[in-house]
Amino acid sequence: MNLNIRRTWSIVEDKSEHAGRRIAVPVRKVAIVAVLENPYALQHVEDLGPLIEASAELDTMMGKMALQALGSFEAQSYGKGGLVGLHGEVEHAAALLSTTYANPLRDVIGGGKAWISSMVKMASPGGQIDIPMNHRNEIYVRSHYDGMTLMLQDTPMPDEVAIIFCLASAGRIGARVGGITHEEVFARDAKA
């Protein structure tokens, strides 16, 4: 199965201040979006295997877009999600976001050992979605529990699926709830 990619987005946010706390290097958040024609719109298909396999087409393209949008920043956290138009099912986005899609993205961004948090939902055009994010190597790095809220104009149309991959260059500005830190995770991983 070949996926028909109708349009893509790269969304970049650089945040330098939060709650009165200013930082020298901004936290960069990136959302990469690929909007696809849903090959299973208006039909129930029991075997979603072909859709899962086809999701591998997205990894290289979206990974390159993510690296370009990140620029000189390193990806410390990530998340993924999908919006399904009203003629589809949430299972269509879930199939496109399986490990067939996710594992190659980890490789493109330079690794990642922790699972990639995910959210899928049905929406009409302009629907909103919250993409949860966590540290790329250790899910228990509390400072990196974060996310991106997206509203995509004219997306998803009833016969579309929007696949979203988000990255952040650091944790929340002013995070102070304890737990293992990004620096401790990388020191631990360097010894292994």
N, C-alpha and C. Protein backbone atom coordinates (compact mmCIF):
# COMPACT_ATOMS: atom_id res chain seq x y z
N MET A 1 0.85 -1.19 0.00
CA MET A 1 0.00 0.00 0.00
C MET A 1 0.89 1.24 0.00
N ASN A 2 0.63 2.17 -0.90
CA ASN A 2 1.31 3.46 -0.92
C ASN A 2 0.40 4.50 -0.30
N LEU A 3 0.98 5.32 0.58
CA LEU A 3 0.21 6.37 1.24
C LEU A 3 0.21 7.63 0.38
N ASN A 4 -0.95 8.26 0.26
CA ASN A 4 -1.07 9.51 -0.46
C ASN A 4 -0.94 10.65 0.54
N ILE A 5 0.24 11.29 0.57
CA ILE A 5 0.48 12.42 1.47
C ILE A 5 -0.03 13.68 0.79
N ARG A 6 -1.04 14.31 1.40
CA ARG A 6 -1.66 15.49 0.79
C ARG A 6 -0.96 16.79 1.16
N ARG A 7 -0.45 16.89 2.39
CA ARG A 7 0.26 18.09 2.82
C ARG A 7 1.04 17.79 4.08
N THR A 8 2.01 18.64 4.37
CA THR A 8 2.83 18.51 5.57
C THR A 8 2.97 19.88 6.24
N TRP A 9 3.27 19.83 7.52
CA TRP A 9 3.56 21.03 8.30
C TRP A 9 4.80 20.79 9.15
N SER A 10 5.56 21.84 9.38
CA SER A 10 6.59 21.89 10.43
C SER A 10 6.24 23.10 11.29
N ILE A 11 6.01 22.85 12.57
CA ILE A 11 5.65 23.92 13.50
C ILE A 11 6.76 24.01 14.53
N VAL A 12 7.29 25.21 14.74
CA VAL A 12 8.41 25.42 15.66
C VAL A 12 8.04 26.48 16.68
N GLU A 13 8.29 26.18 17.96
CA GLU A 13 8.12 27.16 19.04
C GLU A 13 9.43 27.24 19.81
N ASP A 14 9.94 28.44 20.02
CA ASP A 14 11.09 28.68 20.88
C ASP A 14 10.60 29.46 22.09
N LYS A 15 10.74 28.85 23.26
CA LYS A 15 10.23 29.47 24.48
C LYS A 15 11.40 29.86 25.38
N SER A 16 11.50 31.14 25.72
CA SER A 16 12.61 31.66 26.52
C SER A 16 12.21 32.07 27.92
N GLU A 17 10.90 32.17 28.18
CA GLU A 17 10.47 32.63 29.49
C GLU A 17 9.15 31.97 29.87
N HIS A 18 9.05 31.63 31.14
CA HIS A 18 7.81 31.07 31.67
C HIS A 18 7.70 31.44 33.14
N ALA A 19 6.54 31.93 33.54
CA ALA A 19 6.25 32.28 34.93
C ALA A 19 7.32 33.22 35.51
N GLY A 20 7.77 34.16 34.67
CA GLY A 20 8.76 35.13 35.13
C GLY A 20 10.19 34.63 35.15
N ARG A 21 10.39 33.39 34.77
CA ARG A 21 11.75 32.83 34.76
C ARG A 21 12.25 32.82 33.32
N ARG A 22 13.36 33.55 33.08
CA ARG A 22 13.95 33.65 31.76
C ARG A 22 15.18 32.75 31.70
N ILE A 23 15.34 32.04 30.57
CA ILE A 23 16.50 31.17 30.38
C ILE A 23 17.32 31.67 29.19
N ALA A 24 18.63 31.37 29.21
CA ALA A 24 19.54 31.86 28.18
C ALA A 24 19.31 31.16 26.84
N VAL A 25 19.10 29.86 26.88
CA VAL A 25 18.88 29.08 25.66
C VAL A 25 17.42 28.64 25.66
N PRO A 26 16.66 29.02 24.65
CA PRO A 26 15.23 28.67 24.65
C PRO A 26 15.00 27.17 24.53
N VAL A 27 13.85 26.75 24.99
CA VAL A 27 13.39 25.38 24.77
C VAL A 27 12.68 25.39 23.42
N ARG A 28 13.17 24.56 22.52
CA ARG A 28 12.54 24.46 21.20
C ARG A 28 11.62 23.25 21.18
N LYS A 29 10.38 23.50 20.77
CA LYS A 29 9.41 22.43 20.54
C LYS A 29 9.08 22.41 19.06
N VAL A 30 8.99 21.21 18.52
CA VAL A 30 8.74 21.02 17.10
C VAL A 30 7.60 20.03 16.93
N ALA A 31 6.70 20.33 16.02
CA ALA A 31 5.66 19.37 15.63
C ALA A 31 5.77 19.18 14.12
N ILE A 32 5.87 17.94 13.70
CA ILE A 32 5.90 17.58 12.29
C ILE A 32 4.59 16.86 12.00
N VAL A 33 3.91 17.29 10.95
CA VAL A 33 2.59 16.74 10.63
C VAL A 33 2.57 16.29 9.17
N ALA A 34 2.09 15.09 8.96
CA ALA A 34 1.84 14.59 7.60
C ALA A 34 0.35 14.26 7.51
N VAL A 35 -0.33 14.86 6.56
CA VAL A 35 -1.76 14.63 6.37
C VAL A 35 -1.93 13.68 5.19
N LEU A 36 -2.57 12.56 5.46
CA LEU A 36 -2.70 11.49 4.48
C LEU A 36 -4.15 11.27 4.09
N GLU A 37 -4.34 10.82 2.88
CA GLU A 37 -5.64 10.30 2.49
C GLU A 37 -5.84 8.99 3.25
N ASN A 38 -6.98 8.82 3.89
CA ASN A 38 -7.27 7.59 4.62
C ASN A 38 -7.76 6.52 3.64
N PRO A 39 -6.94 5.50 3.36
CA PRO A 39 -7.36 4.49 2.39
C PRO A 39 -8.54 3.65 2.86
N TYR A 40 -8.86 3.72 4.16
CA TYR A 40 -9.95 2.93 4.71
C TYR A 40 -11.15 3.80 5.12
N ALA A 41 -11.22 5.02 4.60
CA ALA A 41 -12.37 5.88 4.92
C ALA A 41 -13.66 5.21 4.48
N LEU A 42 -14.67 5.31 5.33
CA LEU A 42 -16.02 4.77 5.07
C LEU A 42 -16.06 3.26 4.90
N GLN A 43 -15.07 2.56 5.44
CA GLN A 43 -15.12 1.09 5.38
C GLN A 43 -14.48 0.50 6.63
N HIS A 44 -15.00 -0.61 7.05
CA HIS A 44 -14.40 -1.34 8.17
C HIS A 44 -13.51 -2.43 7.58
N VAL A 45 -12.23 -2.37 7.93
CA VAL A 45 -11.27 -3.36 7.46
C VAL A 45 -10.71 -4.05 8.70
N GLU A 46 -10.86 -5.36 8.76
CA GLU A 46 -10.42 -6.10 9.94
C GLU A 46 -8.89 -6.14 10.06
N ASP A 47 -8.19 -6.39 8.96
CA ASP A 47 -6.73 -6.51 8.98
C ASP A 47 -6.08 -5.18 8.61
N LEU A 48 -5.52 -4.49 9.60
CA LEU A 48 -4.87 -3.21 9.37
C LEU A 48 -3.37 -3.37 9.09
N GLY A 49 -2.91 -4.60 8.90
CA GLY A 49 -1.51 -4.87 8.62
C GLY A 49 -0.93 -4.07 7.47
N PRO A 50 -1.64 -3.95 6.34
CA PRO A 50 -1.09 -3.15 5.23
C PRO A 50 -0.86 -1.68 5.62
N LEU A 51 -1.73 -1.13 6.46
CA LEU A 51 -1.57 0.25 6.91
C LEU A 51 -0.37 0.38 7.84
N ILE A 52 -0.20 -0.60 8.73
CA ILE A 52 0.96 -0.61 9.62
C ILE A 52 2.25 -0.65 8.80
N GLU A 53 2.30 -1.56 7.84
CA GLU A 53 3.51 -1.67 7.00
C GLU A 53 3.76 -0.39 6.21
N ALA A 54 2.72 0.23 5.71
CA ALA A 54 2.87 1.45 4.91
C ALA A 54 3.38 2.62 5.75
N SER A 55 3.17 2.58 7.06
CA SER A 55 3.61 3.69 7.92
C SER A 55 5.12 3.87 7.88
N ALA A 56 5.85 2.83 7.48
CA ALA A 56 7.31 2.95 7.38
C ALA A 56 7.71 4.00 6.34
N GLU A 57 6.83 4.29 5.39
CA GLU A 57 7.10 5.33 4.40
C GLU A 57 7.25 6.71 5.05
N LEU A 58 6.59 6.91 6.17
CA LEU A 58 6.56 8.23 6.80
C LEU A 58 7.80 8.54 7.61
N ASP A 59 8.48 7.51 8.14
CA ASP A 59 9.53 7.73 9.12
C ASP A 59 10.69 8.57 8.60
N THR A 60 11.23 8.24 7.45
CA THR A 60 12.37 8.98 6.94
C THR A 60 12.00 10.42 6.63
N MET A 61 10.88 10.62 5.94
CA MET A 61 10.45 11.96 5.58
C MET A 61 10.21 12.81 6.83
N MET A 62 9.44 12.27 7.79
CA MET A 62 9.13 13.05 8.98
C MET A 62 10.35 13.24 9.87
N GLY A 63 11.24 12.24 9.90
CA GLY A 63 12.47 12.36 10.68
C GLY A 63 13.36 13.47 10.14
N LYS A 64 13.51 13.54 8.82
CA LYS A 64 14.32 14.61 8.21
C LYS A 64 13.70 15.98 8.47
N MET A 65 12.38 16.05 8.37
CA MET A 65 11.70 17.31 8.66
C MET A 65 11.93 17.73 10.11
N ALA A 66 11.89 16.75 11.02
CA ALA A 66 12.09 17.04 12.45
C ALA A 66 13.50 17.55 12.71
N LEU A 67 14.51 16.90 12.13
CA LEU A 67 15.89 17.34 12.33
C LEU A 67 16.10 18.74 11.76
N GLN A 68 15.52 19.01 10.61
CA GLN A 68 15.65 20.34 10.02
C GLN A 68 15.01 21.39 10.92
N ALA A 69 13.84 21.10 11.45
CA ALA A 69 13.15 22.05 12.32
C ALA A 69 13.87 22.24 13.65
N LEU A 70 14.49 21.17 14.17
CA LEU A 70 15.24 21.28 15.42
C LEU A 70 16.49 22.13 15.26
N GLY A 71 17.07 22.13 14.06
CA GLY A 71 18.29 22.90 13.83
C GLY A 71 19.43 22.37 14.68
N SER A 72 20.07 23.24 15.42
CA SER A 72 21.23 22.84 16.24
C SER A 72 20.83 22.26 17.60
N PHE A 73 19.54 22.21 17.89
CA PHE A 73 19.07 21.67 19.16
C PHE A 73 19.05 20.14 19.13
N GLU A 74 19.23 19.54 20.30
CA GLU A 74 19.14 18.08 20.46
C GLU A 74 17.74 17.72 20.92
N ALA A 75 17.22 16.62 20.43
CA ALA A 75 15.91 16.14 20.88
C ALA A 75 16.07 15.43 22.22
N GLN A 76 15.45 15.97 23.27
CA GLN A 76 15.47 15.32 24.58
C GLN A 76 14.17 14.58 24.88
N SER A 77 13.09 15.03 24.28
CA SER A 77 11.81 14.37 24.54
C SER A 77 11.01 14.30 23.25
N TYR A 78 9.99 13.41 23.27
CA TYR A 78 9.18 13.21 22.08
C TYR A 78 7.80 12.68 22.41
N GLY A 79 6.93 12.77 21.42
CA GLY A 79 5.57 12.24 21.53
C GLY A 79 4.99 12.13 20.13
N LYS A 80 3.90 11.40 20.01
CA LYS A 80 3.28 11.21 18.69
C LYS A 80 1.77 11.18 18.84
N GLY A 81 1.09 11.38 17.74
CA GLY A 81 -0.36 11.35 17.80
C GLY A 81 -0.97 11.37 16.41
N GLY A 82 -2.29 11.25 16.40
CA GLY A 82 -3.00 11.25 15.13
C GLY A 82 -4.42 11.76 15.28
N LEU A 83 -4.83 12.53 14.29
CA LEU A 83 -6.21 12.99 14.17
C LEU A 83 -6.83 12.28 12.98
N VAL A 84 -7.98 11.67 13.19
CA VAL A 84 -8.67 10.93 12.13
C VAL A 84 -9.94 11.67 11.77
N GLY A 85 -10.14 11.88 10.46
CA GLY A 85 -11.37 12.49 9.99
C GLY A 85 -12.58 11.62 10.27
N LEU A 86 -13.76 12.20 10.20
CA LEU A 86 -14.99 11.54 10.64
C LEU A 86 -15.42 10.34 9.79
N HIS A 87 -14.80 10.11 8.64
CA HIS A 87 -15.11 8.93 7.85
C HIS A 87 -14.16 7.77 8.16
N GLY A 88 -13.31 7.94 9.17
CA GLY A 88 -12.36 6.90 9.56
C GLY A 88 -12.62 6.40 10.96
N GLU A 89 -11.63 5.69 11.49
CA GLU A 89 -11.67 5.16 12.86
C GLU A 89 -10.36 5.52 13.55
N VAL A 90 -10.39 5.64 14.88
CA VAL A 90 -9.15 5.92 15.61
C VAL A 90 -8.12 4.81 15.37
N GLU A 91 -8.58 3.59 15.08
CA GLU A 91 -7.66 2.49 14.80
C GLU A 91 -6.79 2.75 13.58
N HIS A 92 -7.27 3.57 12.66
CA HIS A 92 -6.47 3.88 11.48
C HIS A 92 -5.24 4.69 11.88
N ALA A 93 -5.41 5.67 12.77
CA ALA A 93 -4.26 6.43 13.26
C ALA A 93 -3.37 5.55 14.13
N ALA A 94 -3.97 4.72 14.98
CA ALA A 94 -3.17 3.84 15.84
C ALA A 94 -2.30 2.91 15.00
N ALA A 95 -2.83 2.41 13.89
CA ALA A 95 -2.06 1.53 13.01
C ALA A 95 -0.87 2.28 12.41
N LEU A 96 -1.08 3.54 12.05
CA LEU A 96 -0.01 4.33 11.45
C LEU A 96 1.05 4.76 12.47
N LEU A 97 0.74 4.67 13.76
CA LEU A 97 1.67 5.11 14.80
C LEU A 97 2.35 3.96 15.54
N SER A 98 2.25 2.75 15.02
CA SER A 98 2.84 1.58 15.68
C SER A 98 4.37 1.66 15.67
N THR A 99 5.02 0.65 16.21
CA THR A 99 6.48 0.63 16.25
C THR A 99 7.10 0.60 14.86
N THR A 100 6.37 0.14 13.85
CA THR A 100 6.88 0.18 12.48
C THR A 100 7.19 1.61 12.07
N TYR A 101 6.36 2.53 12.53
CA TYR A 101 6.57 3.96 12.28
C TYR A 101 7.57 4.55 13.28
N ALA A 102 7.45 4.20 14.55
CA ALA A 102 8.18 4.88 15.61
C ALA A 102 9.66 4.49 15.70
N ASN A 103 9.98 3.22 15.58
CA ASN A 103 11.37 2.81 15.75
C ASN A 103 12.33 3.49 14.78
N PRO A 104 12.02 3.57 13.50
CA PRO A 104 12.93 4.29 12.60
C PRO A 104 13.08 5.78 12.94
N LEU A 105 12.01 6.40 13.47
CA LEU A 105 12.12 7.80 13.88
C LEU A 105 13.12 7.95 15.02
N ARG A 106 13.13 7.01 15.94
CA ARG A 106 14.12 7.04 17.02
C ARG A 106 15.53 7.05 16.43
N ASP A 107 15.76 6.20 15.45
CA ASP A 107 17.08 6.14 14.82
C ASP A 107 17.45 7.46 14.16
N VAL A 108 16.53 8.08 13.46
CA VAL A 108 16.80 9.33 12.75
C VAL A 108 17.20 10.44 13.72
N ILE A 109 16.55 10.50 14.88
CA ILE A 109 16.86 11.59 15.82
C ILE A 109 18.04 11.25 16.74
N GLY A 110 18.66 10.11 16.54
CA GLY A 110 19.84 9.77 17.34
C GLY A 110 19.55 8.89 18.52
N GLY A 111 18.57 8.05 18.43
CA GLY A 111 18.28 7.11 19.50
C GLY A 111 17.04 7.48 20.27
N GLY A 112 16.86 6.76 21.33
CA GLY A 112 15.69 6.91 22.17
C GLY A 112 15.31 5.54 22.69
N LYS A 113 15.31 5.39 24.00
CA LYS A 113 15.05 4.08 24.60
C LYS A 113 13.66 3.97 25.20
N ALA A 114 13.07 5.10 25.55
CA ALA A 114 11.76 5.08 26.21
C ALA A 114 10.66 5.00 25.17
N TRP A 115 9.53 4.45 25.59
CA TRP A 115 8.39 4.41 24.69
C TRP A 115 8.00 5.83 24.30
N ILE A 116 7.34 5.98 23.19
CA ILE A 116 6.90 7.30 22.73
C ILE A 116 5.42 7.43 23.07
N SER A 117 5.12 8.35 23.99
CA SER A 117 3.73 8.57 24.37
C SER A 117 2.90 8.92 23.14
N SER A 118 1.61 8.57 23.21
CA SER A 118 0.78 8.69 22.01
C SER A 118 -0.64 9.09 22.37
N MET A 119 -1.29 9.78 21.42
CA MET A 119 -2.70 10.14 21.55
C MET A 119 -3.34 10.08 20.18
N VAL A 120 -4.48 9.43 20.05
CA VAL A 120 -5.24 9.42 18.80
C VAL A 120 -6.69 9.79 19.11
N LYS A 121 -7.30 10.49 18.17
CA LYS A 121 -8.71 10.84 18.34
C LYS A 121 -9.32 11.19 17.01
N MET A 122 -10.63 11.12 16.94
CA MET A 122 -11.38 11.56 15.77
C MET A 122 -11.66 13.05 15.93
N ALA A 123 -11.71 13.74 14.77
CA ALA A 123 -11.97 15.17 14.82
C ALA A 123 -12.51 15.65 13.49
N SER A 124 -13.22 16.75 13.54
CA SER A 124 -13.62 17.44 12.32
C SER A 124 -12.51 18.43 11.98
N PRO A 125 -12.52 19.04 10.80
CA PRO A 125 -11.46 19.98 10.44
C PRO A 125 -11.30 21.07 11.49
N GLY A 126 -10.06 21.35 11.84
CA GLY A 126 -9.77 22.33 12.87
C GLY A 126 -9.82 21.76 14.27
N GLY A 127 -9.99 20.45 14.39
CA GLY A 127 -10.02 19.82 15.71
C GLY A 127 -8.69 19.97 16.42
N GLN A 128 -8.74 19.92 17.71
CA GLN A 128 -7.56 20.13 18.55
C GLN A 128 -7.10 18.80 19.12
N ILE A 129 -5.77 18.66 19.31
CA ILE A 129 -5.23 17.47 19.94
C ILE A 129 -4.07 17.86 20.84
N ASP A 130 -3.95 17.18 21.96
CA ASP A 130 -2.82 17.34 22.87
C ASP A 130 -1.90 16.14 22.68
N ILE A 131 -0.66 16.40 22.27
CA ILE A 131 0.33 15.34 22.08
C ILE A 131 1.18 15.27 23.34
N PRO A 132 1.08 14.17 24.12
CA PRO A 132 1.89 14.04 25.33
C PRO A 132 3.35 13.76 24.96
N MET A 133 4.26 14.27 25.77
CA MET A 133 5.68 14.06 25.51
C MET A 133 6.37 13.59 26.79
N ASN A 134 7.42 12.78 26.61
CA ASN A 134 8.24 12.32 27.72
C ASN A 134 9.70 12.22 27.26
N HIS A 135 10.61 12.09 28.22
CA HIS A 135 12.04 11.99 27.90
C HIS A 135 12.29 10.81 26.98
N ARG A 136 13.20 10.99 26.03
CA ARG A 136 13.41 9.96 25.01
C ARG A 136 14.14 8.71 25.51
N ASN A 137 14.85 8.81 26.64
CA ASN A 137 15.60 7.64 27.13
C ASN A 137 15.10 7.08 28.46
N GLU A 138 14.28 7.82 29.15
CA GLU A 138 13.82 7.37 30.48
C GLU A 138 12.48 8.02 30.78
N ILE A 139 11.46 7.21 30.82
CA ILE A 139 10.11 7.75 30.99
C ILE A 139 9.91 8.43 32.35
N TYR A 140 10.76 8.15 33.33
CA TYR A 140 10.59 8.71 34.67
C TYR A 140 11.31 10.04 34.88
N VAL A 141 11.76 10.70 33.84
CA VAL A 141 12.34 12.04 33.97
C VAL A 141 11.16 13.02 34.01
N ARG A 142 10.76 13.38 35.22
CA ARG A 142 9.53 14.16 35.40
C ARG A 142 9.57 15.55 34.77
N SER A 143 10.75 16.14 34.68
CA SER A 143 10.87 17.48 34.10
C SER A 143 10.47 17.51 32.64
N HIS A 144 10.44 16.35 31.99
CA HIS A 144 10.14 16.28 30.56
C HIS A 144 8.71 15.80 30.29
N TYR A 145 7.88 15.67 31.34
CA TYR A 145 6.46 15.39 31.12
C TYR A 145 5.85 16.70 30.61
N ASP A 146 5.51 16.72 29.36
CA ASP A 146 5.05 17.95 28.74
C ASP A 146 4.19 17.58 27.54
N GLY A 147 3.97 18.49 26.65
CA GLY A 147 3.19 18.20 25.46
C GLY A 147 3.06 19.40 24.56
N MET A 148 2.39 19.18 23.45
CA MET A 148 2.06 20.26 22.52
C MET A 148 0.59 20.14 22.18
N THR A 149 -0.08 21.26 22.15
CA THR A 149 -1.47 21.32 21.72
C THR A 149 -1.50 21.88 20.31
N LEU A 150 -2.14 21.14 19.41
CA LEU A 150 -2.18 21.55 18.01
C LEU A 150 -3.62 21.66 17.53
N MET A 151 -3.85 22.67 16.70
CA MET A 151 -5.10 22.82 15.97
C MET A 151 -4.68 23.07 14.53
N LEU A 152 -5.06 22.19 13.64
CA LEU A 152 -4.60 22.25 12.26
C LEU A 152 -5.74 22.73 11.35
N GLN A 153 -5.54 23.87 10.73
CA GLN A 153 -6.57 24.46 9.88
C GLN A 153 -6.95 23.51 8.76
N ASP A 154 -8.24 23.32 8.55
CA ASP A 154 -8.78 22.46 7.48
C ASP A 154 -8.35 21.01 7.60
N THR A 155 -7.97 20.58 8.79
CA THR A 155 -7.48 19.21 8.98
C THR A 155 -8.03 18.64 10.27
N PRO A 156 -8.42 17.37 10.26
CA PRO A 156 -8.48 16.47 9.12
C PRO A 156 -9.81 16.59 8.39
N MET A 157 -9.76 16.51 7.08
CA MET A 157 -10.98 16.40 6.30
C MET A 157 -11.56 15.01 6.59
N PRO A 158 -12.82 14.75 6.28
CA PRO A 158 -13.43 13.47 6.66
C PRO A 158 -12.66 12.23 6.19
N ASP A 159 -11.98 12.32 5.06
CA ASP A 159 -11.26 11.16 4.52
C ASP A 159 -9.76 11.24 4.75
N GLU A 160 -9.33 11.92 5.83
CA GLU A 160 -7.90 12.10 6.09
C GLU A 160 -7.50 11.59 7.46
N VAL A 161 -6.19 11.37 7.59
CA VAL A 161 -5.54 11.09 8.87
C VAL A 161 -4.34 12.02 8.95
N ALA A 162 -4.21 12.74 10.05
CA ALA A 162 -3.04 13.59 10.29
C ALA A 162 -2.15 12.85 11.30
N ILE A 163 -0.92 12.56 10.89
CA ILE A 163 0.05 11.90 11.76
C ILE A 163 1.02 12.97 12.27
N ILE A 164 1.26 12.97 13.58
CA ILE A 164 2.00 14.05 14.23
C ILE A 164 3.15 13.46 15.05
N PHE A 165 4.33 14.05 14.90
CA PHE A 165 5.50 13.68 15.70
C PHE A 165 6.04 14.95 16.32
N CYS A 166 6.17 14.98 17.65
CA CYS A 166 6.64 16.16 18.37
C CYS A 166 7.95 15.88 19.09
N LEU A 167 8.77 16.91 19.15
CA LEU A 167 10.07 16.83 19.83
C LEU A 167 10.27 18.08 20.67
N ALA A 168 11.07 17.97 21.72
CA ALA A 168 11.46 19.14 22.51
C ALA A 168 12.94 19.03 22.86
N SER A 169 13.59 20.19 22.94
CA SER A 169 15.03 20.23 23.20
C SER A 169 15.37 20.20 24.68
N ALA A 170 14.39 20.31 25.55
CA ALA A 170 14.62 20.29 27.00
C ALA A 170 13.28 20.06 27.69
N GLY A 171 13.37 19.99 29.01
CA GLY A 171 12.15 19.84 29.80
C GLY A 171 11.47 21.18 30.02
N ARG A 172 10.48 21.17 30.91
CA ARG A 172 9.73 22.39 31.20
C ARG A 172 10.63 23.44 31.85
N ILE A 173 10.43 24.69 31.50
CA ILE A 173 11.16 25.78 32.15
C ILE A 173 10.67 25.85 33.60
N GLY A 174 11.60 25.83 34.54
CA GLY A 174 11.26 25.93 35.96
C GLY A 174 10.79 24.63 36.59
N ALA A 175 11.00 23.49 35.91
CA ALA A 175 10.56 22.19 36.47
C ALA A 175 11.25 21.97 37.81
N ARG A 176 10.48 21.52 38.80
CA ARG A 176 11.05 21.34 40.14
C ARG A 176 10.26 20.32 40.96
N VAL A 177 9.84 19.23 40.31
CA VAL A 177 9.07 18.21 41.03
C VAL A 177 9.93 17.00 41.39
N GLY A 178 11.23 17.10 41.21
CA GLY A 178 12.13 16.03 41.62
C GLY A 178 12.22 14.90 40.61
N GLY A 179 12.78 13.79 41.07
CA GLY A 179 12.96 12.63 40.22
C GLY A 179 14.31 12.66 39.51
N ILE A 180 14.54 11.65 38.71
CA ILE A 180 15.79 11.53 37.96
C ILE A 180 15.87 12.67 36.93
N THR A 181 17.08 13.17 36.67
CA THR A 181 17.25 14.27 35.75
C THR A 181 17.78 13.80 34.39
N HIS A 182 17.66 14.67 33.41
CA HIS A 182 18.19 14.40 32.08
C HIS A 182 19.70 14.10 32.16
N GLU A 183 20.43 14.89 32.93
CA GLU A 183 21.88 14.70 33.07
C GLU A 183 22.21 13.36 33.71
N GLU A 184 21.44 12.94 34.71
CA GLU A 184 21.67 11.63 35.34
C GLU A 184 21.42 10.49 34.37
N VAL A 185 20.40 10.62 33.53
CA VAL A 185 20.09 9.58 32.56
C VAL A 185 21.24 9.44 31.56
N PHE A 186 21.75 10.55 31.04
CA PHE A 186 22.82 10.47 30.06
C PHE A 186 24.12 9.99 30.68
N ALA A 187 24.40 10.34 31.94
CA ALA A 187 25.59 9.82 32.62
C ALA A 187 25.45 8.30 32.82
N ARG A 188 24.27 7.87 33.23
CA ARG A 188 24.01 6.43 33.41
C ARG A 188 24.17 5.68 32.09
N ASP A 189 23.60 6.22 31.02
CA ASP A 189 23.66 5.55 29.73
C ASP A 189 25.08 5.52 29.16
N ALA A 190 25.88 6.55 29.49
CA ALA A 190 27.26 6.59 29.01
C ALA A 190 28.09 5.48 29.65
N LYS A 191 27.77 5.09 30.89
CA LYS A 191 28.49 4.02 31.59
C LYS A 191 28.10 2.64 31.07
N ALA A 192 26.90 2.53 30.54
CA ALA A 192 26.39 1.21 30.10
C ALA A 192 27.04 0.73 28.83
